[in-house]
Amino acid sequence: MAPRSCPCGLPTPYQDCCGRFHRGEAAAATAEQLMRSRFSAFATGDEAYLLRTWHPSTRPARLGLDRKVRWVRLEVLESAGGSVVHTEGTVRFRAHYVERGRAGEQEEHSRFVRLDGRWVYAGAL
């Protein structure tokens, strides 16, 4: 059986792509990599990872993910900064989902910062 591809859209099996971040075996090296891993966390229902990678100043106490929403595809539209040498970055993306059999999409321009050497989601612009 072929390994399941990663929900983030990269052509890598989930376990070797975002799965390693979700399991805590590695940290995202760039803002875009963190954003992709957070999309995969929404797709897999990993609320703990989403909260762990959210800046404490904007992080909610809990998320309460809607299990009726299935996140199915991610498009990265643009990114700025957020490389291994930056301390801030932004990523604009479109996330596609299905809810009760109906397709939808959410577009966001997100801000990421380094906190204690790790990328975290700081909020939408």
PDB file of N, CA and C in Angstrom:
ATOM      1  N   MET A   1       0.843  -1.162   0.000  1.00  0.00           N
ATOM      2  CA  MET A   1       0.000   0.000   0.000  1.00  0.00           C
ATOM      3  C   MET A   1       0.901   1.242   0.000  1.00  0.00           C
ATOM      4  N   ALA A   2       0.612   2.191  -0.866  1.00  0.00           N
ATOM      5  CA  ALA A   2       1.395   3.417  -0.961  1.00  0.00           C
ATOM      6  C   ALA A   2       1.090   4.322   0.232  1.00  0.00           C
ATOM      7  N   PRO A   3       2.123   5.020   0.750  1.00  0.00           N
ATOM      8  CA  PRO A   3       1.893   5.938   1.867  1.00  0.00           C
ATOM      9  C   PRO A   3       0.946   7.071   1.455  1.00  0.00           C
ATOM     10  N   ARG A   4       0.161   7.515   2.404  1.00  0.00           N
ATOM     11  CA  ARG A   4      -0.789   8.607   2.175  1.00  0.00           C
ATOM     12  C   ARG A   4      -0.016   9.902   1.927  1.00  0.00           C
ATOM     13  N   SER A   5      -0.391  10.641   0.868  1.00  0.00           N
ATOM     14  CA  SER A   5       0.292  11.899   0.583  1.00  0.00           C
ATOM     15  C   SER A   5      -0.113  12.949   1.617  1.00  0.00           C
ATOM     16  N   CYS A   6       0.725  13.953   1.769  1.00  0.00           N
ATOM     17  CA  CYS A   6       0.502  14.970   2.785  1.00  0.00           C
ATOM     18  C   CYS A   6      -0.627  15.920   2.382  1.00  0.00           C
ATOM     19  N   PRO A   7      -1.507  16.261   3.322  1.00  0.00           N
ATOM     20  CA  PRO A   7      -2.581  17.204   3.018  1.00  0.00           C
ATOM     21  C   PRO A   7      -2.085  18.580   2.581  1.00  0.00           C
ATOM     22  N   CYS A   8      -0.844  18.944   2.933  1.00  0.00           N
ATOM     23  CA  CYS A   8      -0.335  20.288   2.636  1.00  0.00           C
ATOM     24  C   CYS A   8      -0.101  20.529   1.153  1.00  0.00           C
ATOM     25  N   GLY A   9      -0.161  19.474   0.348  1.00  0.00           N
ATOM     26  CA  GLY A   9      -0.014  19.631  -1.092  1.00  0.00           C
ATOM     27  C   GLY A   9       1.356  19.298  -1.648  1.00  0.00           C
ATOM     28  N   LEU A  10       2.331  19.107  -0.793  1.00  0.00           N
ATOM     29  CA  LEU A  10       3.653  18.716  -1.278  1.00  0.00           C
ATOM     30  C   LEU A  10       3.644  17.231  -1.626  1.00  0.00           C
ATOM     31  N   PRO A  11       4.454  16.822  -2.595  1.00  0.00           N
ATOM     32  CA  PRO A  11       4.421  15.426  -3.052  1.00  0.00           C
ATOM     33  C   PRO A  11       5.231  14.474  -2.167  1.00  0.00           C
ATOM     34  N   THR A  12       5.025  14.579  -0.865  1.00  0.00           N
ATOM     35  CA  THR A  12       5.745  13.764   0.108  1.00  0.00           C
ATOM     36  C   THR A  12       4.723  13.049   0.977  1.00  0.00           C
ATOM     37  N   PRO A  13       4.984  11.813   1.370  1.00  0.00           N
ATOM     38  CA  PRO A  13       4.052  11.137   2.273  1.00  0.00           C
ATOM     39  C   PRO A  13       3.872  11.933   3.576  1.00  0.00           C
ATOM     40  N   TYR A  14       2.665  11.945   4.091  1.00  0.00           N
ATOM     41  CA  TYR A  14       2.348  12.689   5.311  1.00  0.00           C
ATOM     42  C   TYR A  14       3.345  12.403   6.427  1.00  0.00           C
ATOM     43  N   GLN A  15       3.657  11.139   6.659  1.00  0.00           N
ATOM     44  CA  GLN A  15       4.535  10.791   7.783  1.00  0.00           C
ATOM     45  C   GLN A  15       5.909  11.442   7.668  1.00  0.00           C
ATOM     46  N   ASP A  16       6.394  11.666   6.446  1.00  0.00           N
ATOM     47  CA  ASP A  16       7.706  12.269   6.233  1.00  0.00           C
ATOM     48  C   ASP A  16       7.641  13.777   6.047  1.00  0.00           C
ATOM     49  N   CYS A  17       6.465  14.298   5.813  1.00  0.00           N
ATOM     50  CA  CYS A  17       6.279  15.737   5.556  1.00  0.00           C
ATOM     51  C   CYS A  17       5.786  16.387   6.848  1.00  0.00           C
ATOM     52  N   CYS A  18       4.545  16.742   6.931  1.00  0.00           N
ATOM     53  CA  CYS A  18       4.008  17.421   8.107  1.00  0.00           C
ATOM     54  C   CYS A  18       3.846  16.514   9.322  1.00  0.00           C
ATOM     55  N   GLY A  19       3.743  15.223   9.100  1.00  0.00           N
ATOM     56  CA  GLY A  19       3.606  14.289  10.206  1.00  0.00           C
ATOM     57  C   GLY A  19       4.746  14.385  11.203  1.00  0.00           C
ATOM     58  N   ARG A  20       5.961  14.614  10.737  1.00  0.00           N
ATOM     59  CA  ARG A  20       7.113  14.719  11.648  1.00  0.00           C
ATOM     60  C   ARG A  20       7.007  15.960  12.532  1.00  0.00           C
ATOM     61  N   PHE A  21       6.398  17.030  12.021  1.00  0.00           N
ATOM     62  CA  PHE A  21       6.182  18.224  12.846  1.00  0.00           C
ATOM     63  C   PHE A  21       5.093  17.953  13.877  1.00  0.00           C
ATOM     64  N   HIS A  22       4.015  17.322  13.430  1.00  0.00           N
ATOM     65  CA  HIS A  22       2.909  17.008  14.339  1.00  0.00           C
ATOM     66  C   HIS A  22       3.349  16.095  15.469  1.00  0.00           C
ATOM     67  N   ARG A  23       4.262  15.157  15.161  1.00  0.00           N
ATOM     68  CA  ARG A  23       4.763  14.236  16.185  1.00  0.00           C
ATOM     69  C   ARG A  23       5.829  14.876  17.074  1.00  0.00           C
ATOM     70  N   GLY A  24       6.290  16.090  16.738  1.00  0.00           N
ATOM     71  CA  GLY A  24       7.309  16.767  17.529  1.00  0.00           C
ATOM     72  C   GLY A  24       8.724  16.328  17.230  1.00  0.00           C
ATOM     73  N   GLU A  25       8.923  15.629  16.113  1.00  0.00           N
ATOM     74  CA  GLU A  25      10.253  15.138  15.755  1.00  0.00           C
ATOM     75  C   GLU A  25      11.096  16.204  15.068  1.00  0.00           C
ATOM     76  N   ALA A  26      10.465  17.261  14.579  1.00  0.00           N
ATOM     77  CA  ALA A  26      11.159  18.347  13.892  1.00  0.00           C
ATOM     78  C   ALA A  26      10.321  19.609  14.039  1.00  0.00           C
ATOM     79  N   ALA A  27      10.958  20.749  13.754  1.00  0.00           N
ATOM     80  CA  ALA A  27      10.258  22.036  13.765  1.00  0.00           C
ATOM     81  C   ALA A  27      10.329  22.630  12.367  1.00  0.00           C
ATOM     82  N   ALA A  28       9.308  23.351  11.985  1.00  0.00           N
ATOM     83  CA  ALA A  28       9.275  23.993  10.668  1.00  0.00           C
ATOM     84  C   ALA A  28      10.445  24.966  10.541  1.00  0.00           C
ATOM     85  N   ALA A  29      11.155  24.898   9.417  1.00  0.00           N
ATOM     86  CA  ALA A  29      12.315  25.760   9.185  1.00  0.00           C
ATOM     87  C   ALA A  29      11.934  27.112   8.596  1.00  0.00           C
ATOM     88  N   THR A  30      10.744  27.205   7.997  1.00  0.00           N
ATOM     89  CA  THR A  30      10.296  28.455   7.378  1.00  0.00           C
ATOM     90  C   THR A  30       8.840  28.727   7.765  1.00  0.00           C
ATOM     91  N   ALA A  31       8.432  29.973   7.549  1.00  0.00           N
ATOM     92  CA  ALA A  31       7.037  30.336   7.825  1.00  0.00           C
ATOM     93  C   ALA A  31       6.086  29.548   6.929  1.00  0.00           C
ATOM     94  N   GLU A  32       6.447  29.388   5.654  1.00  0.00           N
ATOM     95  CA  GLU A  32       5.577  28.637   4.746  1.00  0.00           C
ATOM     96  C   GLU A  32       5.454  27.178   5.185  1.00  0.00           C
ATOM     97  N   GLN A  33       6.553  26.602   5.630  1.00  0.00           N
ATOM     98  CA  GLN A  33       6.516  25.217   6.089  1.00  0.00           C
ATOM     99  C   GLN A  33       5.599  25.095   7.307  1.00  0.00           C
ATOM    100  N   LEU A  34       5.657  26.088   8.202  1.00  0.00           N
ATOM    101  CA  LEU A  34       4.761  26.057   9.359  1.00  0.00           C
ATOM    102  C   LEU A  34       3.313  26.193   8.921  1.00  0.00           C
ATOM    103  N   MET A  35       3.046  27.117   7.986  1.00  0.00           N
ATOM    104  CA  MET A  35       1.680  27.300   7.509  1.00  0.00           C
ATOM    105  C   MET A  35       1.158  26.010   6.886  1.00  0.00           C
ATOM    106  N   ARG A  36       1.979  25.356   6.066  1.00  0.00           N
ATOM    107  CA  ARG A  36       1.559  24.088   5.463  1.00  0.00           C
ATOM    108  C   ARG A  36       1.277  23.039   6.538  1.00  0.00           C
ATOM    109  N   SER A  37       2.128  22.982   7.555  1.00  0.00           N
ATOM    110  CA  SER A  37       1.927  21.989   8.617  1.00  0.00           C
ATOM    111  C   SER A  37       0.679  22.306   9.429  1.00  0.00           C
ATOM    112  N   ARG A  38       0.354  23.572   9.575  1.00  0.00           N
ATOM    113  CA  ARG A  38      -0.871  23.941  10.290  1.00  0.00           C
ATOM    114  C   ARG A  38      -2.108  23.569   9.465  1.00  0.00           C
ATOM    115  N   PHE A  39      -2.045  23.760   8.147  1.00  0.00           N
ATOM    116  CA  PHE A  39      -3.150  23.304   7.301  1.00  0.00           C
ATOM    117  C   PHE A  39      -3.341  21.794   7.479  1.00  0.00           C
ATOM    118  N   SER A  40      -2.233  21.063   7.447  1.00  0.00           N
ATOM    119  CA  SER A  40      -2.317  19.602   7.627  1.00  0.00           C
ATOM    120  C   SER A  40      -2.888  19.252   8.991  1.00  0.00           C
ATOM    121  N   ALA A  41      -2.589  20.059  10.002  1.00  0.00           N
ATOM    122  CA  ALA A  41      -3.147  19.813  11.334  1.00  0.00           C
ATOM    123  C   ALA A  41      -4.663  20.024  11.333  1.00  0.00           C
ATOM    124  N   PHE A  42      -5.135  21.034  10.609  1.00  0.00           N
ATOM    125  CA  PHE A  42      -6.586  21.197  10.463  1.00  0.00           C
ATOM    126  C   PHE A  42      -7.161  19.978   9.744  1.00  0.00           C
ATOM    127  N   ALA A  43      -6.480  19.516   8.693  1.00  0.00           N
ATOM    128  CA  ALA A  43      -6.970  18.383   7.898  1.00  0.00           C
ATOM    129  C   ALA A  43      -6.998  17.086   8.701  1.00  0.00           C
ATOM    130  N   THR A  44      -6.073  16.929   9.635  1.00  0.00           N
ATOM    131  CA  THR A  44      -5.999  15.696  10.421  1.00  0.00           C
ATOM    132  C   THR A  44      -6.643  15.834  11.804  1.00  0.00           C
ATOM    133  N   GLY A  45      -7.110  17.046  12.131  1.00  0.00           N
ATOM    134  CA  GLY A  45      -7.763  17.261  13.420  1.00  0.00           C
ATOM    135  C   GLY A  45      -6.812  17.373  14.595  1.00  0.00           C
ATOM    136  N   ASP A  46      -5.581  17.803  14.356  1.00  0.00           N
ATOM    137  CA  ASP A  46      -4.568  17.890  15.409  1.00  0.00           C
ATOM    138  C   ASP A  46      -4.627  19.258  16.106  1.00  0.00           C
ATOM    139  N   GLU A  47      -5.594  19.412  16.983  1.00  0.00           N
ATOM    140  CA  GLU A  47      -5.786  20.677  17.701  1.00  0.00           C
ATOM    141  C   GLU A  47      -4.585  21.013  18.574  1.00  0.00           C
ATOM    142  N   ALA A  48      -3.960  20.019  19.197  1.00  0.00           N
ATOM    143  CA  ALA A  48      -2.806  20.271  20.073  1.00  0.00           C
ATOM    144  C   ALA A  48      -1.669  20.937  19.302  1.00  0.00           C
ATOM    145  N   TYR A  49      -1.417  20.478  18.073  1.00  0.00           N
ATOM    146  CA  TYR A  49      -0.354  21.086  17.257  1.00  0.00           C
ATOM    147  C   TYR A  49      -0.705  22.525  16.900  1.00  0.00           C
ATOM    148  N   LEU A  50      -1.950  22.761  16.530  1.00  0.00           N
ATOM    149  CA  LEU A  50      -2.377  24.111  16.179  1.00  0.00           C
ATOM    150  C   LEU A  50      -2.170  25.069  17.352  1.00  0.00           C
ATOM    151  N   LEU A  51      -2.540  24.659  18.541  1.00  0.00           N
ATOM    152  CA  LEU A  51      -2.360  25.508  19.708  1.00  0.00           C
ATOM    153  C   LEU A  51      -0.880  25.685  20.052  1.00  0.00           C
ATOM    154  N   ARG A  52      -0.110  24.628  19.907  1.00  0.00           N
ATOM    155  CA  ARG A  52       1.328  24.671  20.210  1.00  0.00           C
ATOM    156  C   ARG A  52       2.084  25.613  19.283  1.00  0.00           C
ATOM    157  N   THR A  53       1.595  25.786  18.050  1.00  0.00           N
ATOM    158  CA  THR A  53       2.292  26.614  17.064  1.00  0.00           C
ATOM    159  C   THR A  53       1.625  27.979  16.881  1.00  0.00           C
ATOM    160  N   TRP A  54       0.856  28.402  17.858  1.00  0.00           N
ATOM    161  CA  TRP A  54       0.144  29.676  17.826  1.00  0.00           C
ATOM    162  C   TRP A  54       0.799  30.602  18.840  1.00  0.00           C
ATOM    163  N   HIS A  55       1.068  31.835  18.474  1.00  0.00           N
ATOM    164  CA  HIS A  55       1.710  32.790  19.381  1.00  0.00           C
ATOM    165  C   HIS A  55       0.851  32.951  20.636  1.00  0.00           C
ATOM    166  N   PRO A  56       1.473  32.915  21.817  1.00  0.00           N
ATOM    167  CA  PRO A  56       0.689  32.998  23.059  1.00  0.00           C
ATOM    168  C   PRO A  56      -0.164  34.264  23.178  1.00  0.00           C
ATOM    169  N   SER A  57       0.240  35.357  22.551  1.00  0.00           N
ATOM    170  CA  SER A  57      -0.520  36.602  22.679  1.00  0.00           C
ATOM    171  C   SER A  57      -1.818  36.601  21.874  1.00  0.00           C
ATOM    172  N   THR A  58      -1.949  35.695  20.923  1.00  0.00           N
ATOM    173  CA  THR A  58      -3.170  35.639  20.102  1.00  0.00           C
ATOM    174  C   THR A  58      -3.851  34.270  20.139  1.00  0.00           C
ATOM    175  N   ARG A  59      -3.249  33.322  20.827  1.00  0.00           N
ATOM    176  CA  ARG A  59      -3.770  31.942  20.870  1.00  0.00           C
ATOM    177  C   ARG A  59      -5.031  31.846  21.730  1.00  0.00           C
ATOM    178  N   PRO A  60      -6.065  31.205  21.191  1.00  0.00           N
ATOM    179  CA  PRO A  60      -7.274  30.969  22.008  1.00  0.00           C
ATOM    180  C   PRO A  60      -6.995  29.860  23.025  1.00  0.00           C
ATOM    181  N   ALA A  61      -7.828  29.770  24.022  1.00  0.00           N
ATOM    182  CA  ALA A  61      -7.669  28.720  25.036  1.00  0.00           C
ATOM    183  C   ALA A  61      -7.910  27.336  24.435  1.00  0.00           C
ATOM    184  N   ARG A  62      -8.846  27.272  23.491  1.00  0.00           N
ATOM    185  CA  ARG A  62      -9.114  26.019  22.773  1.00  0.00           C
ATOM    186  C   ARG A  62      -9.735  26.359  21.429  1.00  0.00           C
ATOM    187  N   LEU A  63      -9.714  25.381  20.521  1.00  0.00           N
ATOM    188  CA  LEU A  63     -10.229  25.627  19.184  1.00  0.00           C
ATOM    189  C   LEU A  63     -11.609  25.048  18.939  1.00  0.00           C
ATOM    190  N   GLY A  64     -11.820  23.835  19.359  1.00  0.00           N
ATOM    191  CA  GLY A  64     -13.091  23.175  19.067  1.00  0.00           C
ATOM    192  C   GLY A  64     -13.288  23.002  17.573  1.00  0.00           C
ATOM    193  N   LEU A  65     -12.409  22.253  16.940  1.00  0.00           N
ATOM    194  CA  LEU A  65     -12.474  22.052  15.489  1.00  0.00           C
ATOM    195  C   LEU A  65     -13.805  21.437  15.084  1.00  0.00           C
ATOM    196  N   ASP A  66     -14.354  21.919  13.995  1.00  0.00           N
ATOM    197  CA  ASP A  66     -15.623  21.423  13.463  1.00  0.00           C
ATOM    198  C   ASP A  66     -15.351  20.154  12.656  1.00  0.00           C
ATOM    199  N   ARG A  67     -15.775  19.040  13.160  1.00  0.00           N
ATOM    200  CA  ARG A  67     -15.528  17.742  12.506  1.00  0.00           C
ATOM    201  C   ARG A  67     -16.343  17.569  11.225  1.00  0.00           C
ATOM    202  N   LYS A  68     -17.302  18.470  10.976  1.00  0.00           N
ATOM    203  CA  LYS A  68     -18.092  18.385   9.749  1.00  0.00           C
ATOM    204  C   LYS A  68     -17.376  19.039   8.567  1.00  0.00           C
ATOM    205  N   VAL A  69     -16.285  19.755   8.858  1.00  0.00           N
ATOM    206  CA  VAL A  69     -15.501  20.410   7.812  1.00  0.00           C
ATOM    207  C   VAL A  69     -14.302  19.525   7.487  1.00  0.00           C
ATOM    208  N   ARG A  70     -14.157  19.198   6.203  1.00  0.00           N
ATOM    209  CA  ARG A  70     -13.023  18.375   5.749  1.00  0.00           C
ATOM    210  C   ARG A  70     -12.140  19.255   4.867  1.00  0.00           C
ATOM    211  N   TRP A  71     -10.921  19.542   5.348  1.00  0.00           N
ATOM    212  CA  TRP A  71      -9.962  20.363   4.608  1.00  0.00           C
ATOM    213  C   TRP A  71      -9.303  19.492   3.561  1.00  0.00           C
ATOM    214  N   VAL A  72      -9.407  19.882   2.280  1.00  0.00           N
ATOM    215  CA  VAL A  72      -9.016  18.971   1.200  1.00  0.00           C
ATOM    216  C   VAL A  72      -7.867  19.443   0.315  1.00  0.00           C
ATOM    217  N   ARG A  73      -7.610  20.753   0.263  1.00  0.00           N
ATOM    218  CA  ARG A  73      -6.544  21.204  -0.637  1.00  0.00           C
ATOM    219  C   ARG A  73      -6.054  22.578  -0.212  1.00  0.00           C
ATOM    220  N   LEU A  74      -4.761  22.797  -0.429  1.00  0.00           N
ATOM    221  CA  LEU A  74      -4.133  24.061  -0.065  1.00  0.00           C
ATOM    222  C   LEU A  74      -3.438  24.659  -1.268  1.00  0.00           C
ATOM    223  N   GLU A  75      -3.623  25.955  -1.466  1.00  0.00           N
ATOM    224  CA  GLU A  75      -2.884  26.710  -2.476  1.00  0.00           C
ATOM    225  C   GLU A  75      -2.110  27.807  -1.762  1.00  0.00           C
ATOM    226  N   VAL A  76      -0.792  27.814  -1.917  1.00  0.00           N
ATOM    227  CA  VAL A  76       0.018  28.913  -1.405  1.00  0.00           C
ATOM    228  C   VAL A  76       0.077  29.948  -2.519  1.00  0.00           C
ATOM    229  N   LEU A  77      -0.429  31.135  -2.245  1.00  0.00           N
ATOM    230  CA  LEU A  77      -0.523  32.184  -3.256  1.00  0.00           C
ATOM    231  C   LEU A  77       0.712  33.079  -3.282  1.00  0.00           C
ATOM    232  N   GLU A  78       1.275  33.368  -2.119  1.00  0.00           N
ATOM    233  CA  GLU A  78       2.515  34.145  -2.056  1.00  0.00           C
ATOM    234  C   GLU A  78       3.078  34.075  -0.646  1.00  0.00           C
ATOM    235  N   SER A  79       4.367  34.303  -0.546  1.00  0.00           N
ATOM    236  CA  SER A  79       4.991  34.399   0.768  1.00  0.00           C
ATOM    237  C   SER A  79       6.075  35.464   0.702  1.00  0.00           C
ATOM    238  N   ALA A  80       6.327  36.089   1.845  1.00  0.00           N
ATOM    239  CA  ALA A  80       7.355  37.119   1.949  1.00  0.00           C
ATOM    240  C   ALA A  80       8.090  36.918   3.261  1.00  0.00           C
ATOM    241  N   GLY A  81       9.405  37.046   3.215  1.00  0.00           N
ATOM    242  CA  GLY A  81      10.196  36.797   4.413  1.00  0.00           C
ATOM    243  C   GLY A  81      10.017  35.353   4.838  1.00  0.00           C
ATOM    244  N   GLY A  82      10.143  35.119   6.115  1.00  0.00           N
ATOM    245  CA  GLY A  82       9.850  33.795   6.644  1.00  0.00           C
ATOM    246  C   GLY A  82      10.848  32.702   6.317  1.00  0.00           C
ATOM    247  N   SER A  83      12.033  33.073   5.833  1.00  0.00           N
ATOM    248  CA  SER A  83      13.032  32.047   5.512  1.00  0.00           C
ATOM    249  C   SER A  83      13.830  31.696   6.769  1.00  0.00           C
ATOM    250  N   VAL A  84      14.824  30.865   6.614  1.00  0.00           N
ATOM    251  CA  VAL A  84      15.649  30.451   7.750  1.00  0.00           C
ATOM    252  C   VAL A  84      16.449  31.614   8.330  1.00  0.00           C
ATOM    253  N   VAL A  85      16.596  32.717   7.595  1.00  0.00           N
ATOM    254  CA  VAL A  85      17.351  33.874   8.101  1.00  0.00           C
ATOM    255  C   VAL A  85      16.454  35.005   8.600  1.00  0.00           C
ATOM    256  N   HIS A  86      15.141  34.885   8.448  1.00  0.00           N
ATOM    257  CA  HIS A  86      14.217  35.930   8.872  1.00  0.00           C
ATOM    258  C   HIS A  86      13.652  35.661  10.267  1.00  0.00           C
ATOM    259  N   THR A  87      13.094  36.700  10.868  1.00  0.00           N
ATOM    260  CA  THR A  87      12.403  36.553  12.154  1.00  0.00           C
ATOM    261  C   THR A  87      10.901  36.784  12.008  1.00  0.00           C
ATOM    262  N   GLU A  88      10.472  37.261  10.831  1.00  0.00           N
ATOM    263  CA  GLU A  88       9.055  37.450  10.532  1.00  0.00           C
ATOM    264  C   GLU A  88       8.790  37.042   9.097  1.00  0.00           C
ATOM    265  N   GLY A  89       7.569  36.708   8.818  1.00  0.00           N
ATOM    266  CA  GLY A  89       7.186  36.373   7.457  1.00  0.00           C
ATOM    267  C   GLY A  89       5.683  36.357   7.309  1.00  0.00           C
ATOM    268  N   THR A  90       5.244  36.424   6.062  1.00  0.00           N
ATOM    269  CA  THR A  90       3.816  36.334   5.783  1.00  0.00           C
ATOM    270  C   THR A  90       3.590  35.300   4.682  1.00  0.00           C
ATOM    271  N   VAL A  91       2.437  34.681   4.735  1.00  0.00           N
ATOM    272  CA  VAL A  91       2.034  33.710   3.716  1.00  0.00           C
ATOM    273  C   VAL A  91       0.564  33.959   3.401  1.00  0.00           C
ATOM    274  N   ARG A  92       0.280  34.123   2.126  1.00  0.00           N
ATOM    275  CA  ARG A  92      -1.110  34.259   1.686  1.00  0.00           C
ATOM    276  C   ARG A  92      -1.489  32.938   1.034  1.00  0.00           C
ATOM    277  N   PHE A  93      -2.620  32.394   1.445  1.00  0.00           N
ATOM    278  CA  PHE A  93      -3.024  31.069   0.955  1.00  0.00           C
ATOM    279  C   PHE A  93      -4.526  30.992   0.781  1.00  0.00           C
ATOM    280  N   ARG A  94      -4.928  29.962   0.058  1.00  0.00           N
ATOM    281  CA  ARG A  94      -6.343  29.627  -0.110  1.00  0.00           C
ATOM    282  C   ARG A  94      -6.493  28.159   0.313  1.00  0.00           C
ATOM    283  N   ALA A  95      -7.346  27.931   1.299  1.00  0.00           N
ATOM    284  CA  ALA A  95      -7.601  26.585   1.801  1.00  0.00           C
ATOM    285  C   ALA A  95      -8.985  26.136   1.335  1.00  0.00           C
ATOM    286  N   HIS A  96      -9.041  24.973   0.726  1.00  0.00           N
ATOM    287  CA  HIS A  96     -10.300  24.435   0.209  1.00  0.00           C
ATOM    288  C   HIS A  96     -10.830  23.384   1.175  1.00  0.00           C
ATOM    289  N   TYR A  97     -12.145  23.392   1.345  1.00  0.00           N
ATOM    290  CA  TYR A  97     -12.778  22.451   2.262  1.00  0.00           C
ATOM    291  C   TYR A  97     -14.108  21.979   1.697  1.00  0.00           C
ATOM    292  N   VAL A  98     -14.623  20.933   2.320  1.00  0.00           N
ATOM    293  CA  VAL A  98     -15.959  20.430   2.015  1.00  0.00           C
ATOM    294  C   VAL A  98     -16.709  20.373   3.342  1.00  0.00           C
ATOM    295  N   GLU A  99     -17.910  20.950   3.349  1.00  0.00           N
ATOM    296  CA  GLU A  99     -18.749  20.925   4.538  1.00  0.00           C
ATOM    297  C   GLU A  99     -20.149  20.508   4.128  1.00  0.00           C
ATOM    298  N   ARG A 100     -20.592  19.396   4.684  1.00  0.00           N
ATOM    299  CA  ARG A 100     -21.914  18.852   4.370  1.00  0.00           C
ATOM    300  C   ARG A 100     -22.108  18.694   2.865  1.00  0.00           C
ATOM    301  N   GLY A 101     -21.079  18.211   2.180  1.00  0.00           N
ATOM    302  CA  GLY A 101     -21.145  17.945   0.757  1.00  0.00           C
ATOM    303  C   GLY A 101     -20.971  19.157  -0.136  1.00  0.00           C
ATOM    304  N   ARG A 102     -20.761  20.327   0.441  1.00  0.00           N
ATOM    305  CA  ARG A 102     -20.604  21.549  -0.352  1.00  0.00           C
ATOM    306  C   ARG A 102     -19.167  22.048  -0.256  1.00  0.00           C
ATOM    307  N   ALA A 103     -18.602  22.388  -1.410  1.00  0.00           N
ATOM    308  CA  ALA A 103     -17.229  22.894  -1.461  1.00  0.00           C
ATOM    309  C   ALA A 103     -17.186  24.356  -1.042  1.00  0.00           C
ATOM    310  N   GLY A 104     -16.104  24.721  -0.385  1.00  0.00           N
ATOM    311  CA  GLY A 104     -15.887  26.099   0.016  1.00  0.00           C
ATOM    312  C   GLY A 104     -14.404  26.391   0.060  1.00  0.00           C
ATOM    313  N   GLU A 105     -14.069  27.637   0.301  1.00  0.00           N
ATOM    314  CA  GLU A 105     -12.660  27.998   0.416  1.00  0.00           C
ATOM    315  C   GLU A 105     -12.523  29.158   1.394  1.00  0.00           C
ATOM    316  N   GLN A 106     -11.349  29.216   1.986  1.00  0.00           N
ATOM    317  CA  GLN A 106     -11.018  30.301   2.902  1.00  0.00           C
ATOM    318  C   GLN A 106      -9.672  30.853   2.464  1.00  0.00           C
ATOM    319  N   GLU A 107      -9.599  32.150   2.290  1.00  0.00           N
ATOM    320  CA  GLU A 107      -8.341  32.776   1.920  1.00  0.00           C
ATOM    321  C   GLU A 107      -7.875  33.631   3.085  1.00  0.00           C
ATOM    322  N   GLU A 108      -6.575  33.575   3.350  1.00  0.00           N
ATOM    323  CA  GLU A 108      -6.029  34.344   4.464  1.00  0.00           C
ATOM    324  C   GLU A 108      -4.618  34.790   4.131  1.00  0.00           C
ATOM    325  N   HIS A 109      -4.243  35.943   4.646  1.00  0.00           N
ATOM    326  CA  HIS A 109      -2.878  36.441   4.591  1.00  0.00           C
ATOM    327  C   HIS A 109      -2.401  36.400   6.034  1.00  0.00           C
ATOM    328  N   SER A 110      -1.537  35.444   6.346  1.00  0.00           N
ATOM    329  CA  SER A 110      -1.140  35.169   7.722  1.00  0.00           C
ATOM    330  C   SER A 110       0.235  35.730   8.041  1.00  0.00           C
ATOM    331  N   ARG A 111       0.413  36.092   9.292  1.00  0.00           N
ATOM    332  CA  ARG A 111       1.697  36.595   9.784  1.00  0.00           C
ATOM    333  C   ARG A 111       2.307  35.557  10.723  1.00  0.00           C
ATOM    334  N   PHE A 112       3.603  35.336  10.544  1.00  0.00           N
ATOM    335  CA  PHE A 112       4.349  34.383  11.358  1.00  0.00           C
ATOM    336  C   PHE A 112       5.570  35.079  11.934  1.00  0.00           C
ATOM    337  N   VAL A 113       5.946  34.704  13.152  1.00  0.00           N
ATOM    338  CA  VAL A 113       7.136  35.251  13.800  1.00  0.00           C
ATOM    339  C   VAL A 113       7.908  34.110  14.457  1.00  0.00           C
ATOM    340  N   ARG A 114       9.174  34.384  14.723  1.00  0.00           N
ATOM    341  CA  ARG A 114       9.963  33.411  15.480  1.00  0.00           C
ATOM    342  C   ARG A 114       9.820  33.722  16.958  1.00  0.00           C
ATOM    343  N   LEU A 115       9.584  32.705  17.736  1.00  0.00           N
ATOM    344  CA  LEU A 115       9.474  32.816  19.184  1.00  0.00           C
ATOM    345  C   LEU A 115      10.372  31.741  19.770  1.00  0.00           C
ATOM    346  N   ASP A 116      11.374  32.148  20.503  1.00  0.00           N
ATOM    347  CA  ASP A 116      12.343  31.205  21.066  1.00  0.00           C
ATOM    348  C   ASP A 116      12.937  30.304  19.980  1.00  0.00           C
ATOM    349  N   GLY A 117      13.186  30.900  18.812  1.00  0.00           N
ATOM    350  CA  GLY A 117      13.828  30.171  17.716  1.00  0.00           C
ATOM    351  C   GLY A 117      12.899  29.354  16.838  1.00  0.00           C
ATOM    352  N   ARG A 118      11.622  29.289  17.165  1.00  0.00           N
ATOM    353  CA  ARG A 118      10.660  28.495  16.383  1.00  0.00           C
ATOM    354  C   ARG A 118       9.612  29.398  15.759  1.00  0.00           C
ATOM    355  N   TRP A 119       9.164  29.015  14.558  1.00  0.00           N
ATOM    356  CA  TRP A 119       8.100  29.759  13.895  1.00  0.00           C
ATOM    357  C   TRP A 119       6.770  29.497  14.590  1.00  0.00           C
ATOM    358  N   VAL A 120       5.982  30.566  14.764  1.00  0.00           N
ATOM    359  CA  VAL A 120       4.628  30.448  15.299  1.00  0.00           C
ATOM    360  C   VAL A 120       3.699  31.341  14.488  1.00  0.00           C
ATOM    361  N   TYR A 121       2.447  30.966  14.467  1.00  0.00           N
ATOM    362  CA  TYR A 121       1.401  31.745  13.803  1.00  0.00           C
ATOM    363  C   TYR A 121       1.034  32.905  14.712  1.00  0.00           C
ATOM    364  N   ALA A 122       1.095  34.145  14.174  1.00  0.00           N
ATOM    365  CA  ALA A 122       0.798  35.328  14.970  1.00  0.00           C
ATOM    366  C   ALA A 122      -0.594  35.891  14.691  1.00  0.00           C
ATOM    367  N   GLY A 123      -1.200  35.500  13.578  1.00  0.00           N
ATOM    368  CA  GLY A 123      -2.551  35.954  13.258  1.00  0.00           C
ATOM    369  C   GLY A 123      -2.704  36.343  11.806  1.00  0.00           C
ATOM    370  N   ALA A 124      -3.937  36.693  11.461  1.00  0.00           N
ATOM    371  CA  ALA A 124      -4.250  37.109  10.093  1.00  0.00           C
ATOM    372  C   ALA A 124      -3.974  38.605   9.939  1.00  0.00           C
ATOM    373  N   LEU A 125      -3.539  38.981   8.758  1.00  0.00           N
ATOM    374  CA  LEU A 125      -3.323  40.410   8.479  1.00  0.00           C
ATOM    375  C   LEU A 125      -4.620  41.029   8.000  1.00  0.00           C
TER     376      LEU A 125
END
